[in-house]
């Protein structure tokens, strides 16, 4: 099973340069799929249609 999810890569911290500290955020599930091809497709579509914003929210996947 492959877990497809989004998460941020930064958190706000005024004491860091540009006010951002590196930080892997909590995972938010998009889907559970069986093939890596399907997982890649979901991630590509999500990343192409959503603005990552200041905290760099991106879709990714992990085989469980």
PDB file of N, CA and C in Angstrom:
ATOM      1  N   UNK A   1       0.852  -1.180   0.000  1.00  0.00           N
ATOM      2  CA  UNK A   1       0.000   0.000   0.000  1.00  0.00           C
ATOM      3  C   UNK A   1       0.894   1.237   0.000  1.00  0.00           C
ATOM      4  N   UNK A   2       0.472   2.241  -0.741  1.00  0.00           N
ATOM      5  CA  UNK A   2       1.215   3.500  -0.825  1.00  0.00           C
ATOM      6  C   UNK A   2       0.338   4.630  -0.288  1.00  0.00           C
ATOM      7  N   UNK A   3       0.892   5.386   0.639  1.00  0.00           N
ATOM      8  CA  UNK A   3       0.196   6.495   1.292  1.00  0.00           C
ATOM      9  C   UNK A   3       0.559   7.787   0.553  1.00  0.00           C
ATOM     10  N   UNK A   4      -0.434   8.481  -0.011  1.00  0.00           N
ATOM     11  CA  UNK A   4      -0.234   9.757  -0.693  1.00  0.00           C
ATOM     12  C   UNK A   4      -0.737  10.858   0.240  1.00  0.00           C
ATOM     13  N   UNK A   5       0.095  11.876   0.451  1.00  0.00           N
ATOM     14  CA  UNK A   5      -0.248  12.893   1.440  1.00  0.00           C
ATOM     15  C   UNK A   5       0.390  14.239   1.088  1.00  0.00           C
ATOM     16  N   UNK A   6      -0.043  15.270   1.804  1.00  0.00           N
ATOM     17  CA  UNK A   6       0.595  16.581   1.713  1.00  0.00           C
ATOM     18  C   UNK A   6       1.179  16.922   3.068  1.00  0.00           C
ATOM     19  N   UNK A   7       2.175  17.793   3.049  1.00  0.00           N
ATOM     20  CA  UNK A   7       2.710  18.358   4.285  1.00  0.00           C
ATOM     21  C   UNK A   7       3.542  19.584   3.929  1.00  0.00           C
ATOM     22  N   UNK A   8       3.797  20.394   4.925  1.00  0.00           N
ATOM     23  CA  UNK A   8       4.626  21.580   4.735  1.00  0.00           C
ATOM     24  C   UNK A   8       6.075  21.233   5.079  1.00  0.00           C
ATOM     25  N   UNK A   9       6.995  22.069   4.580  1.00  0.00           N
ATOM     26  CA  UNK A   9       8.419  21.855   4.826  1.00  0.00           C
ATOM     27  C   UNK A   9       9.044  22.962   5.658  1.00  0.00           C
ATOM     28  N   UNK A  10       8.249  23.946   6.052  1.00  0.00           N
ATOM     29  CA  UNK A  10       8.716  25.069   6.865  1.00  0.00           C
ATOM     30  C   UNK A  10       7.688  25.373   7.936  1.00  0.00           C
ATOM     31  N   UNK A  11       8.143  26.022   9.024  1.00  0.00           N
ATOM     32  CA  UNK A  11       7.200  26.563   9.995  1.00  0.00           C
ATOM     33  C   UNK A  11       7.632  27.991  10.304  1.00  0.00           C
ATOM     34  N   UNK A  12       6.671  28.797  10.701  1.00  0.00           N
ATOM     35  CA  UNK A  12       6.954  30.195  11.019  1.00  0.00           C
ATOM     36  C   UNK A  12       7.765  30.272  12.311  1.00  0.00           C
ATOM     37  N   UNK A  13       8.841  31.061  12.259  1.00  0.00           N
ATOM     38  CA  UNK A  13       9.674  31.284  13.438  1.00  0.00           C
ATOM     39  C   UNK A  13      10.380  32.617  13.222  1.00  0.00           C
ATOM     40  N   UNK A  14       9.924  33.672  13.869  1.00  0.00           N
ATOM     41  CA  UNK A  14      10.476  35.012  13.642  1.00  0.00           C
ATOM     42  C   UNK A  14      11.966  35.140  13.953  1.00  0.00           C
ATOM     43  N   UNK A  15      12.542  34.228  14.732  1.00  0.00           N
ATOM     44  CA  UNK A  15      13.961  34.338  15.059  1.00  0.00           C
ATOM     45  C   UNK A  15      14.870  33.726  13.982  1.00  0.00           C
ATOM     46  N   UNK A  16      14.288  33.075  12.980  1.00  0.00           N
ATOM     47  CA  UNK A  16      15.063  32.512  11.871  1.00  0.00           C
ATOM     48  C   UNK A  16      15.083  33.499  10.706  1.00  0.00           C
ATOM     49  N   UNK A  17      16.106  33.384   9.827  1.00  0.00           N
ATOM     50  CA  UNK A  17      16.132  34.245   8.634  1.00  0.00           C
ATOM     51  C   UNK A  17      14.842  34.084   7.823  1.00  0.00           C
ATOM     52  N   UNK A  18      14.331  35.175   7.320  1.00  0.00           N
ATOM     53  CA  UNK A  18      13.069  35.204   6.557  1.00  0.00           C
ATOM     54  C   UNK A  18      11.864  34.727   7.363  1.00  0.00           C
ATOM     55  N   UNK A  19      12.033  34.521   8.672  1.00  0.00           N
ATOM     56  CA  UNK A  19      10.918  34.119   9.526  1.00  0.00           C
ATOM     57  C   UNK A  19      10.470  32.683   9.349  1.00  0.00           C
ATOM     58  N   UNK A  20      11.292  31.844   8.690  1.00  0.00           N
ATOM     59  CA  UNK A  20      10.929  30.451   8.443  1.00  0.00           C
ATOM     60  C   UNK A  20      12.010  29.505   8.943  1.00  0.00           C
ATOM     61  N   UNK A  21      11.583  28.452   9.630  1.00  0.00           N
ATOM     62  CA  UNK A  21      12.484  27.418  10.139  1.00  0.00           C
ATOM     63  C   UNK A  21      12.176  26.104   9.413  1.00  0.00           C
ATOM     64  N   UNK A  22      13.196  25.357   8.963  1.00  0.00           N
ATOM     65  CA  UNK A  22      12.930  24.058   8.334  1.00  0.00           C
ATOM     66  C   UNK A  22      12.167  23.150   9.299  1.00  0.00           C
ATOM     67  N   UNK A  23      11.114  22.506   8.786  1.00  0.00           N
ATOM     68  CA  UNK A  23      10.281  21.663   9.646  1.00  0.00           C
ATOM     69  C   UNK A  23       9.362  20.817   8.785  1.00  0.00           C
ATOM     70  N   UNK A  24       9.417  19.491   8.946  1.00  0.00           N
ATOM     71  CA  UNK A  24       8.476  18.618   8.246  1.00  0.00           C
ATOM     72  C   UNK A  24       7.169  18.625   9.022  1.00  0.00           C
ATOM     73  N   UNK A  25       6.110  19.117   8.381  1.00  0.00           N
ATOM     74  CA  UNK A  25       4.813  19.219   9.040  1.00  0.00           C
ATOM     75  C   UNK A  25       4.063  17.898   9.099  1.00  0.00           C
ATOM     76  N   UNK A  26       2.917  17.938   9.756  1.00  0.00           N
ATOM     77  CA  UNK A  26       2.051  16.768   9.891  1.00  0.00           C
ATOM     78  C   UNK A  26       1.519  16.347   8.525  1.00  0.00           C
ATOM     79  N   UNK A  27       1.401  15.043   8.300  1.00  0.00           N
ATOM     80  CA  UNK A  27       0.891  14.508   7.030  1.00  0.00           C
ATOM     81  C   UNK A  27      -0.631  14.623   6.992  1.00  0.00           C
ATOM     82  N   UNK A  28      -1.148  15.026   5.817  1.00  0.00           N
ATOM     83  CA  UNK A  28      -2.590  15.087   5.564  1.00  0.00           C
ATOM     84  C   UNK A  28      -2.887  14.173   4.377  1.00  0.00           C
ATOM     85  N   UNK A  29      -3.563  13.072   4.619  1.00  0.00           N
ATOM     86  CA  UNK A  29      -3.792  12.038   3.618  1.00  0.00           C
ATOM     87  C   UNK A  29      -4.629  12.528   2.445  1.00  0.00           C
ATOM     88  N   UNK A  30      -4.149  12.202   1.232  1.00  0.00           N
ATOM     89  CA  UNK A  30      -4.916  12.440   0.008  1.00  0.00           C
ATOM     90  C   UNK A  30      -5.528  11.134  -0.491  1.00  0.00           C
ATOM     91  N   UNK A  31      -4.759  10.039  -0.408  1.00  0.00           N
ATOM     92  CA  UNK A  31      -5.234   8.755  -0.937  1.00  0.00           C
ATOM     93  C   UNK A  31      -4.363   7.616  -0.429  1.00  0.00           C
ATOM     94  N   UNK A  32      -4.884   6.407  -0.551  1.00  0.00           N
ATOM     95  CA  UNK A  32      -4.139   5.163  -0.355  1.00  0.00           C
ATOM     96  C   UNK A  32      -4.261   4.414  -1.675  1.00  0.00           C
ATOM     97  N   UNK A  33      -3.138   4.098  -2.305  1.00  0.00           N
ATOM     98  CA  UNK A  33      -3.171   3.442  -3.618  1.00  0.00           C
ATOM     99  C   UNK A  33      -2.243   2.229  -3.616  1.00  0.00           C
ATOM    100  N   UNK A  34      -2.330   1.436  -4.697  1.00  0.00           N
ATOM    101  CA  UNK A  34      -1.530   0.216  -4.783  1.00  0.00           C
ATOM    102  C   UNK A  34      -0.327   0.348  -5.704  1.00  0.00           C
ATOM    103  N   UNK A  35      -0.335   1.312  -6.625  1.00  0.00           N
ATOM    104  CA  UNK A  35       0.782   1.417  -7.565  1.00  0.00           C
ATOM    105  C   UNK A  35       1.517   2.742  -7.419  1.00  0.00           C
ATOM    106  N   UNK A  36       2.829   2.678  -7.630  1.00  0.00           N
ATOM    107  CA  UNK A  36       3.656   3.879  -7.571  1.00  0.00           C
ATOM    108  C   UNK A  36       3.270   4.844  -8.703  1.00  0.00           C
ATOM    109  N   UNK A  37       2.894   4.304  -9.843  1.00  0.00           N
ATOM    110  CA  UNK A  37       2.469   5.138 -10.971  1.00  0.00           C
ATOM    111  C   UNK A  37       1.257   5.985 -10.594  1.00  0.00           C
ATOM    112  N   UNK A  38       0.292   5.381  -9.933  1.00  0.00           N
ATOM    113  CA  UNK A  38      -0.904   6.110  -9.503  1.00  0.00           C
ATOM    114  C   UNK A  38      -0.544   7.167  -8.450  1.00  0.00           C
ATOM    115  N   UNK A  39       0.350   6.816  -7.529  1.00  0.00           N
ATOM    116  CA  UNK A  39       0.785   7.761  -6.496  1.00  0.00           C
ATOM    117  C   UNK A  39       1.481   8.965  -7.127  1.00  0.00           C
ATOM    118  N   UNK A  40       2.365   8.716  -8.085  1.00  0.00           N
ATOM    119  CA  UNK A  40       3.057   9.814  -8.776  1.00  0.00           C
ATOM    120  C   UNK A  40       2.065  10.722  -9.500  1.00  0.00           C
ATOM    121  N   UNK A  41       1.090  10.121 -10.140  1.00  0.00           N
ATOM    122  CA  UNK A  41       0.086  10.887 -10.874  1.00  0.00           C
ATOM    123  C   UNK A  41      -0.708  11.797  -9.936  1.00  0.00           C
ATOM    124  N   UNK A  42      -1.122  11.276  -8.796  1.00  0.00           N
ATOM    125  CA  UNK A  42      -1.874  12.073  -7.819  1.00  0.00           C
ATOM    126  C   UNK A  42      -1.015  13.228  -7.320  1.00  0.00           C
ATOM    127  N   UNK A  43       0.251  12.956  -7.006  1.00  0.00           N
ATOM    128  CA  UNK A  43       1.147  14.002  -6.515  1.00  0.00           C
ATOM    129  C   UNK A  43       1.374  15.076  -7.570  1.00  0.00           C
ATOM    130  N   UNK A  44       1.637  14.667  -8.801  1.00  0.00           N
ATOM    131  CA  UNK A  44       1.865  15.632  -9.875  1.00  0.00           C
ATOM    132  C   UNK A  44       0.649  16.526 -10.079  1.00  0.00           C
ATOM    133  N   UNK A  45      -0.536  15.915 -10.119  1.00  0.00           N
ATOM    134  CA  UNK A  45      -1.763  16.694 -10.315  1.00  0.00           C
ATOM    135  C   UNK A  45      -1.972  17.675  -9.160  1.00  0.00           C
ATOM    136  N   UNK A  46      -1.817  17.208  -7.927  1.00  0.00           N
ATOM    137  CA  UNK A  46      -2.021  18.073  -6.767  1.00  0.00           C
ATOM    138  C   UNK A  46      -1.006  19.216  -6.769  1.00  0.00           C
ATOM    139  N   UNK A  47       0.260  18.903  -6.981  1.00  0.00           N
ATOM    140  CA  UNK A  47       1.306  19.928  -6.952  1.00  0.00           C
ATOM    141  C   UNK A  47       1.156  20.943  -8.091  1.00  0.00           C
ATOM    142  N   UNK A  48       0.625  20.506  -9.231  1.00  0.00           N
ATOM    143  CA  UNK A  48       0.428  21.412 -10.368  1.00  0.00           C
ATOM    144  C   UNK A  48      -0.800  22.306 -10.217  1.00  0.00           C
ATOM    145  N   UNK A  49      -1.713  21.934  -9.323  1.00  0.00           N
ATOM    146  CA  UNK A  49      -2.954  22.703  -9.189  1.00  0.00           C
ATOM    147  C   UNK A  49      -3.074  23.444  -7.856  1.00  0.00           C
ATOM    148  N   UNK A  50      -2.062  23.362  -7.016  1.00  0.00           N
ATOM    149  CA  UNK A  50      -2.086  24.034  -5.716  1.00  0.00           C
ATOM    150  C   UNK A  50      -0.824  24.864  -5.519  1.00  0.00           C
ATOM    151  N   UNK A  51      -1.003  26.070  -5.019  1.00  0.00           N
ATOM    152  CA  UNK A  51       0.113  26.948  -4.694  1.00  0.00           C
ATOM    153  C   UNK A  51       0.766  26.445  -3.413  1.00  0.00           C
ATOM    154  N   UNK A  52       2.076  26.176  -3.426  1.00  0.00           N
ATOM    155  CA  UNK A  52       2.728  25.666  -2.219  1.00  0.00           C
ATOM    156  C   UNK A  52       2.768  26.671  -1.070  1.00  0.00           C
ATOM    157  N   UNK A  53       2.610  27.949  -1.387  1.00  0.00           N
ATOM    158  CA  UNK A  53       2.596  28.969  -0.360  1.00  0.00           C
ATOM    159  C   UNK A  53       3.944  29.144   0.322  1.00  0.00           C
ATOM    160  N   UNK A  54       3.958  30.000   1.314  1.00  0.00           N
ATOM    161  CA  UNK A  54       5.191  30.346   2.023  1.00  0.00           C
ATOM    162  C   UNK A  54       5.798  29.146   2.759  1.00  0.00           C
ATOM    163  N   UNK A  55       4.952  28.207   3.202  1.00  0.00           N
ATOM    164  CA  UNK A  55       5.438  27.056   3.973  1.00  0.00           C
ATOM    165  C   UNK A  55       5.746  25.839   3.102  1.00  0.00           C
ATOM    166  N   UNK A  56       5.614  25.986   1.788  1.00  0.00           N
ATOM    167  CA  UNK A  56       5.947  24.931   0.808  1.00  0.00           C
ATOM    168  C   UNK A  56       5.165  23.636   1.020  1.00  0.00           C
ATOM    169  N   UNK A  57       3.824  23.728   1.034  1.00  0.00           N
ATOM    170  CA  UNK A  57       2.999  22.512   1.135  1.00  0.00           C
ATOM    171  C   UNK A  57       3.067  21.774  -0.198  1.00  0.00           C
ATOM    172  N   UNK A  58       3.500  20.512  -0.141  1.00  0.00           N
ATOM    173  CA  UNK A  58       3.666  19.696  -1.337  1.00  0.00           C
ATOM    174  C   UNK A  58       3.033  18.316  -1.110  1.00  0.00           C
ATOM    175  N   UNK A  59       2.633  17.671  -2.217  1.00  0.00           N
ATOM    176  CA  UNK A  59       2.149  16.295  -2.150  1.00  0.00           C
ATOM    177  C   UNK A  59       3.336  15.352  -2.364  1.00  0.00           C
ATOM    178  N   UNK A  60       3.314  14.247  -1.662  1.00  0.00           N
ATOM    179  CA  UNK A  60       4.352  13.228  -1.791  1.00  0.00           C
ATOM    180  C   UNK A  60       3.753  11.879  -1.425  1.00  0.00           C
ATOM    181  N   UNK A  61       4.538  10.820  -1.544  1.00  0.00           N
ATOM    182  CA  UNK A  61       4.022   9.513  -1.189  1.00  0.00           C
ATOM    183  C   UNK A  61       5.083   8.666  -0.502  1.00  0.00           C
ATOM    184  N   UNK A  62       4.599   7.646   0.210  1.00  0.00           N
ATOM    185  CA  UNK A  62       5.471   6.762   0.975  1.00  0.00           C
ATOM    186  C   UNK A  62       4.884   5.367   0.940  1.00  0.00           C
ATOM    187  N   UNK A  63       5.700   4.401   0.572  1.00  0.00           N
ATOM    188  CA  UNK A  63       5.252   2.997   0.577  1.00  0.00           C
ATOM    189  C   UNK A  63       5.239   2.513   2.028  1.00  0.00           C
ATOM    190  N   UNK A  64       4.122   1.928   2.425  1.00  0.00           N
ATOM    191  CA  UNK A  64       3.992   1.440   3.812  1.00  0.00           C
ATOM    192  C   UNK A  64       3.990  -0.072   3.861  1.00  0.00           C
TER     193      UNK A  64
END
